[in-house]
């Protein structure tokens, strides 16, 4: 990397009097654009950001993984308790997810007659 001259900085539209950090976007060895990085911004790797967040008291999310067999298309029902996956299963195309009133309405649409239970 070579030192940039004042004329190079002018070409990039960077004022020679600027103080701060500048992000240069480089394509095939040539600077194609530049961005001034505000002083309150942090430049770090994802791991460093995670470490800073943990030091600040944020907890790392422990995401549960869901196994999806290769080539599968459809819905998977996952059961979880306190953020931990307890089970999962693939649903067939005839499985529906609905509220009880929606299910009753669907049953009426296909010919069932819904009556209230007999209470004594």
PDB file of N, CA and C in Angstrom:
ATOM      1  N   UNK A   1       0.850  -1.175   0.000  1.00  0.00           N
ATOM      2  CA  UNK A   1       0.000   0.000   0.000  1.00  0.00           C
ATOM      3  C   UNK A   1       0.889   1.230   0.000  1.00  0.00           C
ATOM      4  N   UNK A   2       0.534   2.187  -0.792  1.00  0.00           N
ATOM      5  CA  UNK A   2       1.339   3.405  -0.860  1.00  0.00           C
ATOM      6  C   UNK A   2       0.650   4.523  -0.102  1.00  0.00           C
ATOM      7  N   UNK A   3       1.429   5.531   0.305  1.00  0.00           N
ATOM      8  CA  UNK A   3       0.839   6.702   0.940  1.00  0.00           C
ATOM      9  C   UNK A   3       0.063   7.483  -0.100  1.00  0.00           C
ATOM     10  N   UNK A   4      -1.047   8.052   0.318  1.00  0.00           N
ATOM     11  CA  UNK A   4      -1.879   8.802  -0.618  1.00  0.00           C
ATOM     12  C   UNK A   4      -1.495  10.273  -0.563  1.00  0.00           C
ATOM     13  N   UNK A   5      -1.424  10.879  -1.715  1.00  0.00           N
ATOM     14  CA  UNK A   5      -1.091  12.297  -1.797  1.00  0.00           C
ATOM     15  C   UNK A   5      -2.348  13.130  -1.598  1.00  0.00           C
ATOM     16  N   UNK A   6      -2.151  14.441  -1.433  1.00  0.00           N
ATOM     17  CA  UNK A   6      -3.282  15.355  -1.295  1.00  0.00           C
ATOM     18  C   UNK A   6      -4.153  15.298  -2.546  1.00  0.00           C
ATOM     19  N   UNK A   7      -3.545  15.167  -3.719  1.00  0.00           N
ATOM     20  CA  UNK A   7      -4.347  15.093  -4.951  1.00  0.00           C
ATOM     21  C   UNK A   7      -5.166  13.804  -4.987  1.00  0.00           C
ATOM     22  N   UNK A   8      -4.578  12.688  -4.462  1.00  0.00           N
ATOM     23  CA  UNK A   8      -5.347  11.441  -4.372  1.00  0.00           C
ATOM     24  C   UNK A   8      -6.551  11.632  -3.464  1.00  0.00           C
ATOM     25  N   UNK A   9      -6.333  12.324  -2.335  1.00  0.00           N
ATOM     26  CA  UNK A   9      -7.437  12.567  -1.399  1.00  0.00           C
ATOM     27  C   UNK A   9      -8.505  13.440  -2.046  1.00  0.00           C
ATOM     28  N   UNK A  10      -8.092  14.414  -2.825  1.00  0.00           N
ATOM     29  CA  UNK A  10      -9.056  15.275  -3.518  1.00  0.00           C
ATOM     30  C   UNK A  10      -9.863  14.470  -4.520  1.00  0.00           C
ATOM     31  N   UNK A  11      -9.203  13.544  -5.218  1.00  0.00           N
ATOM     32  CA  UNK A  11      -9.891  12.687  -6.176  1.00  0.00           C
ATOM     33  C   UNK A  11     -10.967  11.868  -5.473  1.00  0.00           C
ATOM     34  N   UNK A  12     -10.680  11.445  -4.240  1.00  0.00           N
ATOM     35  CA  UNK A  12     -11.655  10.675  -3.463  1.00  0.00           C
ATOM     36  C   UNK A  12     -12.687  11.570  -2.794  1.00  0.00           C
ATOM     37  N   UNK A  13     -12.542  12.874  -2.987  1.00  0.00           N
ATOM     38  CA  UNK A  13     -13.418  13.867  -2.355  1.00  0.00           C
ATOM     39  C   UNK A  13     -13.294  13.822  -0.833  1.00  0.00           C
ATOM     40  N   UNK A  14     -12.072  13.624  -0.361  1.00  0.00           N
ATOM     41  CA  UNK A  14     -11.797  13.685   1.071  1.00  0.00           C
ATOM     42  C   UNK A  14     -11.056  14.983   1.320  1.00  0.00           C
ATOM     43  N   UNK A  15     -11.618  15.832   2.115  1.00  0.00           N
ATOM     44  CA  UNK A  15     -10.985  17.104   2.442  1.00  0.00           C
ATOM     45  C   UNK A  15      -9.673  16.841   3.169  1.00  0.00           C
ATOM     46  N   UNK A  16      -8.545  17.412   2.698  1.00  0.00           N
ATOM     47  CA  UNK A  16      -7.250  17.177   3.343  1.00  0.00           C
ATOM     48  C   UNK A  16      -7.222  17.615   4.806  1.00  0.00           C
ATOM     49  N   UNK A  17      -8.154  18.466   5.225  1.00  0.00           N
ATOM     50  CA  UNK A  17      -8.173  18.939   6.604  1.00  0.00           C
ATOM     51  C   UNK A  17      -8.980  18.021   7.526  1.00  0.00           C
ATOM     52  N   UNK A  18      -9.550  16.965   6.977  1.00  0.00           N
ATOM     53  CA  UNK A  18     -10.414  16.090   7.773  1.00  0.00           C
ATOM     54  C   UNK A  18      -9.617  15.352   8.842  1.00  0.00           C
ATOM     55  N   UNK A  19     -10.236  15.168   9.977  1.00  0.00           N
ATOM     56  CA  UNK A  19      -9.644  14.381  11.056  1.00  0.00           C
ATOM     57  C   UNK A  19     -10.625  13.277  11.385  1.00  0.00           C
ATOM     58  N   UNK A  20     -10.158  12.059  11.462  1.00  0.00           N
ATOM     59  CA  UNK A  20     -11.041  10.951  11.795  1.00  0.00           C
ATOM     60  C   UNK A  20     -10.699   9.722  10.993  1.00  0.00           C
ATOM     61  N   UNK A  21     -11.654   8.793  10.970  1.00  0.00           N
ATOM     62  CA  UNK A  21     -11.456   7.521  10.266  1.00  0.00           C
ATOM     63  C   UNK A  21     -12.264   7.523   8.983  1.00  0.00           C
ATOM     64  N   UNK A  22     -11.666   6.949   7.959  1.00  0.00           N
ATOM     65  CA  UNK A  22     -12.309   6.892   6.654  1.00  0.00           C
ATOM     66  C   UNK A  22     -12.283   5.447   6.186  1.00  0.00           C
ATOM     67  N   UNK A  23     -13.439   4.939   5.804  1.00  0.00           N
ATOM     68  CA  UNK A  23     -13.535   3.596   5.248  1.00  0.00           C
ATOM     69  C   UNK A  23     -13.412   3.709   3.737  1.00  0.00           C
ATOM     70  N   UNK A  24     -12.397   3.047   3.174  1.00  0.00           N
ATOM     71  CA  UNK A  24     -12.200   3.053   1.729  1.00  0.00           C
ATOM     72  C   UNK A  24     -12.720   1.748   1.149  1.00  0.00           C
ATOM     73  N   UNK A  25     -13.591   1.833   0.152  1.00  0.00           N
ATOM     74  CA  UNK A  25     -14.057   0.646  -0.555  1.00  0.00           C
ATOM     75  C   UNK A  25     -13.140   0.458  -1.761  1.00  0.00           C
ATOM     76  N   UNK A  26     -12.521  -0.719  -1.824  1.00  0.00           N
ATOM     77  CA  UNK A  26     -11.516  -0.994  -2.845  1.00  0.00           C
ATOM     78  C   UNK A  26     -12.013  -2.117  -3.749  1.00  0.00           C
ATOM     79  N   UNK A  27     -11.870  -1.924  -5.050  1.00  0.00           N
ATOM     80  CA  UNK A  27     -12.255  -2.928  -6.030  1.00  0.00           C
ATOM     81  C   UNK A  27     -11.084  -3.130  -6.984  1.00  0.00           C
ATOM     82  N   UNK A  28     -10.584  -4.350  -7.040  1.00  0.00           N
ATOM     83  CA  UNK A  28      -9.453  -4.676  -7.916  1.00  0.00           C
ATOM     84  C   UNK A  28      -8.269  -3.739  -7.705  1.00  0.00           C
ATOM     85  N   UNK A  29      -7.972  -3.448  -6.437  1.00  0.00           N
ATOM     86  CA  UNK A  29      -6.805  -2.634  -6.114  1.00  0.00           C
ATOM     87  C   UNK A  29      -7.002  -1.144  -6.266  1.00  0.00           C
ATOM     88  N   UNK A  30      -8.188  -0.702  -6.626  1.00  0.00           N
ATOM     89  CA  UNK A  30      -8.451   0.731  -6.793  1.00  0.00           C
ATOM     90  C   UNK A  30      -9.550   1.160  -5.835  1.00  0.00           C
ATOM     91  N   UNK A  31      -9.355   2.306  -5.219  1.00  0.00           N
ATOM     92  CA  UNK A  31     -10.357   2.860  -4.318  1.00  0.00           C
ATOM     93  C   UNK A  31     -11.510   3.375  -5.161  1.00  0.00           C
ATOM     94  N   UNK A  32     -12.714   2.868  -4.876  1.00  0.00           N
ATOM     95  CA  UNK A  32     -13.887   3.274  -5.657  1.00  0.00           C
ATOM     96  C   UNK A  32     -14.794   4.232  -4.895  1.00  0.00           C
ATOM     97  N   UNK A  33     -14.708   4.231  -3.573  1.00  0.00           N
ATOM     98  CA  UNK A  33     -15.486   5.188  -2.790  1.00  0.00           C
ATOM     99  C   UNK A  33     -14.932   5.252  -1.376  1.00  0.00           C
ATOM    100  N   UNK A  34     -15.408   6.246  -0.651  1.00  0.00           N
ATOM    101  CA  UNK A  34     -14.954   6.414   0.728  1.00  0.00           C
ATOM    102  C   UNK A  34     -16.117   6.861   1.593  1.00  0.00           C
ATOM    103  N   UNK A  35     -16.051   6.516   2.866  1.00  0.00           N
ATOM    104  CA  UNK A  35     -17.086   6.884   3.819  1.00  0.00           C
ATOM    105  C   UNK A  35     -16.425   7.328   5.109  1.00  0.00           C
ATOM    106  N   UNK A  36     -16.811   8.490   5.600  1.00  0.00           N
ATOM    107  CA  UNK A  36     -16.309   8.964   6.884  1.00  0.00           C
ATOM    108  C   UNK A  36     -16.996   8.172   7.987  1.00  0.00           C
ATOM    109  N   UNK A  37     -16.219   7.608   8.908  1.00  0.00           N
ATOM    110  CA  UNK A  37     -16.787   6.823  10.006  1.00  0.00           C
ATOM    111  C   UNK A  37     -16.978   7.753  11.198  1.00  0.00           C
ATOM    112  N   UNK A  38     -18.213   7.950  11.659  1.00  0.00           N
ATOM    113  CA  UNK A  38     -18.452   8.826  12.807  1.00  0.00           C
ATOM    114  C   UNK A  38     -17.666   8.362  14.034  1.00  0.00           C
ATOM    115  N   UNK A  39     -17.310   9.307  14.877  1.00  0.00           N
ATOM    116  CA  UNK A  39     -16.459   8.999  16.028  1.00  0.00           C
ATOM    117  C   UNK A  39     -17.128   8.064  17.027  1.00  0.00           C
ATOM    118  N   UNK A  40     -18.467   8.019  17.049  1.00  0.00           N
ATOM    119  CA  UNK A  40     -19.147   7.142  18.003  1.00  0.00           C
ATOM    120  C   UNK A  40     -19.368   5.732  17.455  1.00  0.00           C
ATOM    121  N   UNK A  41     -18.874   5.440  16.254  1.00  0.00           N
ATOM    122  CA  UNK A  41     -19.015   4.111  15.657  1.00  0.00           C
ATOM    123  C   UNK A  41     -17.816   3.247  16.009  1.00  0.00           C
ATOM    124  N   UNK A  42     -18.070   1.967  16.197  1.00  0.00           N
ATOM    125  CA  UNK A  42     -17.023   0.995  16.507  1.00  0.00           C
ATOM    126  C   UNK A  42     -16.751   0.180  15.252  1.00  0.00           C
ATOM    127  N   UNK A  43     -15.489  -0.043  14.974  1.00  0.00           N
ATOM    128  CA  UNK A  43     -15.102  -0.916  13.865  1.00  0.00           C
ATOM    129  C   UNK A  43     -14.478  -2.150  14.491  1.00  0.00           C
ATOM    130  N   UNK A  44     -15.122  -3.294  14.336  1.00  0.00           N
ATOM    131  CA  UNK A  44     -14.632  -4.524  14.966  1.00  0.00           C
ATOM    132  C   UNK A  44     -15.226  -5.729  14.252  1.00  0.00           C
ATOM    133  N   UNK A  45     -14.642  -6.881  14.517  1.00  0.00           N
ATOM    134  CA  UNK A  45     -15.176  -8.130  13.972  1.00  0.00           C
ATOM    135  C   UNK A  45     -16.459  -8.492  14.716  1.00  0.00           C
ATOM    136  N   UNK A  46     -17.223  -9.417  14.173  1.00  0.00           N
ATOM    137  CA  UNK A  46     -18.444  -9.874  14.835  1.00  0.00           C
ATOM    138  C   UNK A  46     -18.104 -10.446  16.208  1.00  0.00           C
ATOM    139  N   UNK A  47     -17.022 -11.231  16.291  1.00  0.00           N
ATOM    140  CA  UNK A  47     -16.619 -11.804  17.578  1.00  0.00           C
ATOM    141  C   UNK A  47     -16.314 -10.712  18.593  1.00  0.00           C
ATOM    142  N   UNK A  48     -15.633  -9.655  18.152  1.00  0.00           N
ATOM    143  CA  UNK A  48     -15.314  -8.553  19.061  1.00  0.00           C
ATOM    144  C   UNK A  48     -16.588  -7.837  19.509  1.00  0.00           C
ATOM    145  N   UNK A  49     -17.551  -7.636  18.584  1.00  0.00           N
ATOM    146  CA  UNK A  49     -18.831  -7.029  18.959  1.00  0.00           C
ATOM    147  C   UNK A  49     -19.543  -7.888  20.002  1.00  0.00           C
ATOM    148  N   UNK A  50     -19.544  -9.210  19.805  1.00  0.00           N
ATOM    149  CA  UNK A  50     -20.195 -10.112  20.757  1.00  0.00           C
ATOM    150  C   UNK A  50     -19.528 -10.020  22.124  1.00  0.00           C
ATOM    151  N   UNK A  51     -18.198  -9.965  22.140  1.00  0.00           N
ATOM    152  CA  UNK A  51     -17.470  -9.857  23.405  1.00  0.00           C
ATOM    153  C   UNK A  51     -17.794  -8.542  24.108  1.00  0.00           C
ATOM    154  N   UNK A  52     -17.861  -7.448  23.353  1.00  0.00           N
ATOM    155  CA  UNK A  52     -18.228  -6.154  23.941  1.00  0.00           C
ATOM    156  C   UNK A  52     -19.642  -6.200  24.515  1.00  0.00           C
ATOM    157  N   UNK A  53     -20.563  -6.820  23.793  1.00  0.00           N
ATOM    158  CA  UNK A  53     -21.945  -6.923  24.264  1.00  0.00           C
ATOM    159  C   UNK A  53     -22.020  -7.739  25.548  1.00  0.00           C
ATOM    160  N   UNK A  54     -21.283  -8.846  25.609  1.00  0.00           N
ATOM    161  CA  UNK A  54     -21.287  -9.676  26.817  1.00  0.00           C
ATOM    162  C   UNK A  54     -20.702  -8.913  27.996  1.00  0.00           C
ATOM    163  N   UNK A  55     -19.635  -8.151  27.756  1.00  0.00           N
ATOM    164  CA  UNK A  55     -19.045  -7.333  28.832  1.00  0.00           C
ATOM    165  C   UNK A  55     -20.028  -6.283  29.329  1.00  0.00           C
ATOM    166  N   UNK A  56     -20.892  -5.796  28.417  1.00  0.00           N
ATOM    167  CA  UNK A  56     -21.882  -4.787  28.782  1.00  0.00           C
ATOM    168  C   UNK A  56     -23.098  -5.401  29.465  1.00  0.00           C
ATOM    169  N   UNK A  57     -23.121  -6.726  29.603  1.00  0.00           N
ATOM    170  CA  UNK A  57     -24.214  -7.379  30.308  1.00  0.00           C
ATOM    171  C   UNK A  57     -25.242  -8.050  29.428  1.00  0.00           C
ATOM    172  N   UNK A  58     -25.093  -7.953  28.115  1.00  0.00           N
ATOM    173  CA  UNK A  58     -26.030  -8.633  27.230  1.00  0.00           C
ATOM    174  C   UNK A  58     -25.690 -10.113  27.188  1.00  0.00           C
ATOM    175  N   UNK A  59     -26.727 -10.927  27.135  1.00  0.00           N
ATOM    176  CA  UNK A  59     -26.506 -12.372  27.102  1.00  0.00           C
ATOM    177  C   UNK A  59     -26.515 -12.862  25.673  1.00  0.00           C
ATOM    178  N   UNK A  60     -25.650 -13.797  25.415  1.00  0.00           N
ATOM    179  CA  UNK A  60     -25.577 -14.393  24.083  1.00  0.00           C
ATOM    180  C   UNK A  60     -26.790 -15.300  23.897  1.00  0.00           C
ATOM    181  N   UNK A  61     -27.454 -15.149  22.778  1.00  0.00           N
ATOM    182  CA  UNK A  61     -28.596 -16.013  22.482  1.00  0.00           C
ATOM    183  C   UNK A  61     -28.103 -17.412  22.158  1.00  0.00           C
ATOM    184  N   UNK A  62     -28.688 -18.373  22.826  1.00  0.00           N
ATOM    185  CA  UNK A  62     -28.352 -19.771  22.545  1.00  0.00           C
ATOM    186  C   UNK A  62     -29.487 -20.332  21.696  1.00  0.00           C
ATOM    187  N   UNK A  63     -29.417 -20.101  20.412  1.00  0.00           N
ATOM    188  CA  UNK A  63     -30.485 -20.533  19.522  1.00  0.00           C
ATOM    189  C   UNK A  63     -30.511 -22.051  19.421  1.00  0.00           C
ATOM    190  N   UNK A  64     -31.707 -22.577  19.408  1.00  0.00           N
ATOM    191  CA  UNK A  64     -31.893 -24.010  19.222  1.00  0.00           C
ATOM    192  C   UNK A  64     -31.885 -24.308  17.729  1.00  0.00           C
ATOM    193  N   UNK A  65     -31.342 -25.431  17.368  1.00  0.00           N
ATOM    194  CA  UNK A  65     -31.320 -25.793  15.953  1.00  0.00           C
ATOM    195  C   UNK A  65     -32.488 -26.720  15.637  1.00  0.00           C
ATOM    196  N   UNK A  66     -32.964 -26.609  14.425  1.00  0.00           N
ATOM    197  CA  UNK A  66     -34.041 -27.457  13.933  1.00  0.00           C
ATOM    198  C   UNK A  66     -33.468 -28.254  12.767  1.00  0.00           C
ATOM    199  N   UNK A  67     -33.590 -29.572  12.858  1.00  0.00           N
ATOM    200  CA  UNK A  67     -33.071 -30.435  11.792  1.00  0.00           C
ATOM    201  C   UNK A  67     -34.089 -30.498  10.663  1.00  0.00           C
ATOM    202  N   UNK A  68     -33.651 -30.162   9.466  1.00  0.00           N
ATOM    203  CA  UNK A  68     -34.522 -30.212   8.292  1.00  0.00           C
ATOM    204  C   UNK A  68     -33.877 -31.151   7.285  1.00  0.00           C
ATOM    205  N   UNK A  69     -34.598 -32.214   6.974  1.00  0.00           N
ATOM    206  CA  UNK A  69     -34.015 -33.187   6.045  1.00  0.00           C
ATOM    207  C   UNK A  69     -33.895 -32.575   4.660  1.00  0.00           C
ATOM    208  N   UNK A  70     -32.882 -33.015   3.950  1.00  0.00           N
ATOM    209  CA  UNK A  70     -32.587 -32.478   2.627  1.00  0.00           C
ATOM    210  C   UNK A  70     -33.764 -32.691   1.684  1.00  0.00           C
ATOM    211  N   UNK A  71     -34.126 -31.642   0.974  1.00  0.00           N
ATOM    212  CA  UNK A  71     -35.198 -31.721  -0.003  1.00  0.00           C
ATOM    213  C   UNK A  71     -36.589 -31.521   0.575  1.00  0.00           C
ATOM    214  N   UNK A  72     -36.708 -31.358   1.897  1.00  0.00           N
ATOM    215  CA  UNK A  72     -38.027 -31.216   2.519  1.00  0.00           C
ATOM    216  C   UNK A  72     -38.665 -29.893   2.128  1.00  0.00           C
ATOM    217  N   UNK A  73     -39.963 -29.943   1.843  1.00  0.00           N
ATOM    218  CA  UNK A  73     -40.779 -28.755   1.622  1.00  0.00           C
ATOM    219  C   UNK A  73     -42.048 -28.948   2.421  1.00  0.00           C
ATOM    220  N   UNK A  74     -42.392 -27.978   3.236  1.00  0.00           N
ATOM    221  CA  UNK A  74     -43.604 -28.088   4.031  1.00  0.00           C
ATOM    222  C   UNK A  74     -43.447 -27.384   5.356  1.00  0.00           C
ATOM    223  N   UNK A  75     -44.259 -27.790   6.331  1.00  0.00           N
ATOM    224  CA  UNK A  75     -44.247 -27.176   7.657  1.00  0.00           C
ATOM    225  C   UNK A  75     -43.656 -28.134   8.675  1.00  0.00           C
ATOM    226  N   UNK A  76     -42.966 -27.568   9.661  1.00  0.00           N
ATOM    227  CA  UNK A  76     -42.409 -28.342  10.768  1.00  0.00           C
ATOM    228  C   UNK A  76     -42.945 -27.737  12.055  1.00  0.00           C
ATOM    229  N   UNK A  77     -43.514 -28.579  12.904  1.00  0.00           N
ATOM    230  CA  UNK A  77     -44.014 -28.146  14.201  1.00  0.00           C
ATOM    231  C   UNK A  77     -42.913 -28.374  15.231  1.00  0.00           C
ATOM    232  N   UNK A  78     -42.527 -27.311  15.923  1.00  0.00           N
ATOM    233  CA  UNK A  78     -41.479 -27.394  16.939  1.00  0.00           C
ATOM    234  C   UNK A  78     -42.108 -27.094  18.291  1.00  0.00           C
ATOM    235  N   UNK A  79     -41.855 -27.953  19.270  1.00  0.00           N
ATOM    236  CA  UNK A  79     -42.295 -27.723  20.645  1.00  0.00           C
ATOM    237  C   UNK A  79     -41.096 -27.225  21.436  1.00  0.00           C
ATOM    238  N   UNK A  80     -41.308 -26.187  22.249  1.00  0.00           N
ATOM    239  CA  UNK A  80     -40.219 -25.640  23.056  1.00  0.00           C
ATOM    240  C   UNK A  80     -40.711 -25.372  24.468  1.00  0.00           C
ATOM    241  N   UNK A  81     -39.796 -25.480  25.421  1.00  0.00           N
ATOM    242  CA  UNK A  81     -40.094 -25.156  26.811  1.00  0.00           C
ATOM    243  C   UNK A  81     -38.940 -24.324  27.344  1.00  0.00           C
ATOM    244  N   UNK A  82     -39.263 -23.126  27.816  1.00  0.00           N
ATOM    245  CA  UNK A  82     -38.254 -22.202  28.335  1.00  0.00           C
ATOM    246  C   UNK A  82     -37.135 -21.962  27.326  1.00  0.00           C
ATOM    247  N   UNK A  83     -37.500 -21.805  26.068  1.00  0.00           N
ATOM    248  CA  UNK A  83     -36.523 -21.507  25.036  1.00  0.00           C
ATOM    249  C   UNK A  83     -35.730 -22.689  24.534  1.00  0.00           C
ATOM    250  N   UNK A  84     -36.018 -23.875  25.024  1.00  0.00           N
ATOM    251  CA  UNK A  84     -35.303 -25.081  24.596  1.00  0.00           C
ATOM    252  C   UNK A  84     -36.240 -25.963  23.788  1.00  0.00           C
ATOM    253  N   UNK A  85     -35.771 -26.425  22.646  1.00  0.00           N
ATOM    254  CA  UNK A  85     -36.581 -27.300  21.803  1.00  0.00           C
ATOM    255  C   UNK A  85     -36.758 -28.637  22.507  1.00  0.00           C
ATOM    256  N   UNK A  86     -38.014 -29.088  22.633  1.00  0.00           N
ATOM    257  CA  UNK A  86     -38.279 -30.389  23.247  1.00  0.00           C
ATOM    258  C   UNK A  86     -38.599 -31.445  22.196  1.00  0.00           C
ATOM    259  N   UNK A  87     -39.158 -31.019  21.058  1.00  0.00           N
ATOM    260  CA  UNK A  87     -39.431 -31.969  19.976  1.00  0.00           C
ATOM    261  C   UNK A  87     -39.741 -31.209  18.699  1.00  0.00           C
ATOM    262  N   UNK A  88     -39.727 -31.948  17.613  1.00  0.00           N
ATOM    263  CA  UNK A  88     -40.134 -31.387  16.325  1.00  0.00           C
ATOM    264  C   UNK A  88     -40.685 -32.505  15.466  1.00  0.00           C
ATOM    265  N   UNK A  89     -41.600 -32.149  14.544  1.00  0.00           N
ATOM    266  CA  UNK A  89     -42.100 -33.138  13.594  1.00  0.00           C
ATOM    267  C   UNK A  89     -42.580 -32.428  12.344  1.00  0.00           C
ATOM    268  N   UNK A  90     -42.432 -33.143  11.236  1.00  0.00           N
ATOM    269  CA  UNK A  90     -42.907 -32.625   9.962  1.00  0.00           C
ATOM    270  C   UNK A  90     -44.419 -32.806   9.906  1.00  0.00           C
ATOM    271  N   UNK A  91     -45.110 -31.797   9.404  1.00  0.00           N
ATOM    272  CA  UNK A  91     -46.556 -31.890   9.248  1.00  0.00           C
ATOM    273  C   UNK A  91     -46.877 -32.271   7.808  1.00  0.00           C
ATOM    274  N   UNK A  92     -47.885 -33.113   7.651  1.00  0.00           N
ATOM    275  CA  UNK A  92     -48.312 -33.484   6.304  1.00  0.00           C
ATOM    276  C   UNK A  92     -49.129 -32.333   5.725  1.00  0.00           C
ATOM    277  N   UNK A  93     -49.311 -32.313   4.411  1.00  0.00           N
ATOM    278  CA  UNK A  93     -50.062 -31.223   3.788  1.00  0.00           C
ATOM    279  C   UNK A  93     -51.496 -31.085   4.298  1.00  0.00           C
ATOM    280  N   UNK A  94     -52.077 -32.169   4.860  1.00  0.00           N
ATOM    281  CA  UNK A  94     -53.451 -32.056   5.348  1.00  0.00           C
ATOM    282  C   UNK A  94     -53.525 -31.513   6.775  1.00  0.00           C
ATOM    283  N   UNK A  95     -52.410 -31.252   7.419  1.00  0.00           N
ATOM    284  CA  UNK A  95     -52.418 -30.612   8.736  1.00  0.00           C
ATOM    285  C   UNK A  95     -52.723 -29.122   8.569  1.00  0.00           C
ATOM    286  N   UNK A  96     -53.536 -28.601   9.452  1.00  0.00           N
ATOM    287  CA  UNK A  96     -53.876 -27.178   9.440  1.00  0.00           C
ATOM    288  C   UNK A  96     -53.605 -26.602  10.821  1.00  0.00           C
ATOM    289  N   UNK A  97     -53.252 -25.347  10.856  1.00  0.00           N
ATOM    290  CA  UNK A  97     -53.072 -24.635  12.119  1.00  0.00           C
ATOM    291  C   UNK A  97     -54.197 -23.620  12.204  1.00  0.00           C
ATOM    292  N   UNK A  98     -55.024 -23.719  13.252  1.00  0.00           N
ATOM    293  CA  UNK A  98     -56.190 -22.846  13.356  1.00  0.00           C
ATOM    294  C   UNK A  98     -56.628 -22.736  14.808  1.00  0.00           C
ATOM    295  N   UNK A  99     -57.433 -21.730  15.073  1.00  0.00           N
ATOM    296  CA  UNK A  99     -58.060 -21.604  16.387  1.00  0.00           C
ATOM    297  C   UNK A  99     -59.270 -22.530  16.417  1.00  0.00           C
ATOM    298  N   UNK A 100     -59.802 -22.791  17.601  1.00  0.00           N
ATOM    299  CA  UNK A 100     -60.977 -23.649  17.713  1.00  0.00           C
ATOM    300  C   UNK A 100     -62.167 -23.074  16.940  1.00  0.00           C
ATOM    301  N   UNK A 101     -62.462 -21.769  17.041  1.00  0.00           N
ATOM    302  CA  UNK A 101     -63.571 -21.234  16.234  1.00  0.00           C
ATOM    303  C   UNK A 101     -63.342 -21.418  14.730  1.00  0.00           C
ATOM    304  N   UNK A 102     -62.104 -21.251  14.275  1.00  0.00           N
ATOM    305  CA  UNK A 102     -61.809 -21.471  12.852  1.00  0.00           C
ATOM    306  C   UNK A 102     -62.030 -22.928  12.475  1.00  0.00           C
ATOM    307  N   UNK A 103     -61.640 -23.844  13.356  1.00  0.00           N
ATOM    308  CA  UNK A 103     -61.819 -25.268  13.100  1.00  0.00           C
ATOM    309  C   UNK A 103     -63.310 -25.612  13.028  1.00  0.00           C
ATOM    310  N   UNK A 104     -64.101 -25.055  13.944  1.00  0.00           N
ATOM    311  CA  UNK A 104     -65.549 -25.296  13.920  1.00  0.00           C
ATOM    312  C   UNK A 104     -66.166 -24.758  12.627  1.00  0.00           C
ATOM    313  N   UNK A 105     -65.733 -23.587  12.202  1.00  0.00           N
ATOM    314  CA  UNK A 105     -66.237 -23.005  10.955  1.00  0.00           C
ATOM    315  C   UNK A 105     -65.871 -23.894   9.764  1.00  0.00           C
ATOM    316  N   UNK A 106     -64.663 -24.407   9.748  1.00  0.00           N
ATOM    317  CA  UNK A 106     -64.232 -25.301   8.675  1.00  0.00           C
ATOM    318  C   UNK A 106     -65.081 -26.571   8.660  1.00  0.00           C
ATOM    319  N   UNK A 107     -65.372 -27.110   9.851  1.00  0.00           N
ATOM    320  CA  UNK A 107     -66.188 -28.324   9.933  1.00  0.00           C
ATOM    321  C   UNK A 107     -67.591 -28.069   9.392  1.00  0.00           C
ATOM    322  N   UNK A 108     -68.163 -26.894   9.711  1.00  0.00           N
ATOM    323  CA  UNK A 108     -69.493 -26.558   9.189  1.00  0.00           C
ATOM    324  C   UNK A 108     -69.463 -26.433   7.666  1.00  0.00           C
ATOM    325  N   UNK A 109     -68.380 -25.870   7.137  1.00  0.00           N
ATOM    326  CA  UNK A 109     -68.265 -25.687   5.686  1.00  0.00           C
ATOM    327  C   UNK A 109     -68.236 -27.024   4.946  1.00  0.00           C
ATOM    328  N   UNK A 110     -67.706 -28.059   5.596  1.00  0.00           N
ATOM    329  CA  UNK A 110     -67.643 -29.365   4.925  1.00  0.00           C
ATOM    330  C   UNK A 110     -68.821 -30.262   5.297  1.00  0.00           C
ATOM    331  N   UNK A 111     -69.828 -29.708   6.024  1.00  0.00           N
ATOM    332  CA  UNK A 111     -71.050 -30.456   6.239  1.00  0.00           C
ATOM    333  C   UNK A 111     -71.337 -30.925   7.652  1.00  0.00           C
ATOM    334  N   UNK A 112     -70.449 -30.725   8.587  1.00  0.00           N
ATOM    335  CA  UNK A 112     -70.741 -31.124   9.965  1.00  0.00           C
ATOM    336  C   UNK A 112     -71.725 -30.141  10.570  1.00  0.00           C
ATOM    337  N   UNK A 113     -72.565 -30.657  11.471  1.00  0.00           N
ATOM    338  CA  UNK A 113     -73.491 -29.794  12.185  1.00  0.00           C
ATOM    339  C   UNK A 113     -72.987 -29.694  13.620  1.00  0.00           C
ATOM    340  N   UNK A 114     -72.701 -28.482  14.046  1.00  0.00           N
ATOM    341  CA  UNK A 114     -72.124 -28.258  15.372  1.00  0.00           C
ATOM    342  C   UNK A 114     -73.259 -27.920  16.329  1.00  0.00           C
ATOM    343  N   UNK A 115     -73.372 -28.702  17.407  1.00  0.00           N
ATOM    344  CA  UNK A 115     -74.385 -28.438  18.437  1.00  0.00           C
ATOM    345  C   UNK A 115     -73.690 -28.336  19.781  1.00  0.00           C
ATOM    346  N   UNK A 116     -74.301 -27.586  20.665  1.00  0.00           N
ATOM    347  CA  UNK A 116     -73.739 -27.429  22.009  1.00  0.00           C
ATOM    348  C   UNK A 116     -73.895 -28.736  22.771  1.00  0.00           C
ATOM    349  N   UNK A 117     -72.973 -29.042  23.678  1.00  0.00           N
ATOM    350  CA  UNK A 117     -73.089 -30.280  24.454  1.00  0.00           C
ATOM    351  C   UNK A 117     -74.297 -30.212  25.393  1.00  0.00           C
ATOM    352  N   UNK A 118     -74.848 -31.370  25.687  1.00  0.00           N
ATOM    353  CA  UNK A 118     -75.983 -31.460  26.603  1.00  0.00           C
ATOM    354  C   UNK A 118     -75.444 -31.376  28.024  1.00  0.00           C
ATOM    355  N   UNK A 119     -75.978 -30.438  28.803  1.00  0.00           N
ATOM    356  CA  UNK A 119     -75.572 -30.326  30.213  1.00  0.00           C
ATOM    357  C   UNK A 119     -76.783 -30.568  31.081  1.00  0.00           C
ATOM    358  N   UNK A 120     -76.571 -31.220  32.189  1.00  0.00           N
ATOM    359  CA  UNK A 120     -77.696 -31.527  33.084  1.00  0.00           C
ATOM    360  C   UNK A 120     -77.538 -30.814  34.381  1.00  0.00           C
TER     361      UNK A 120
END
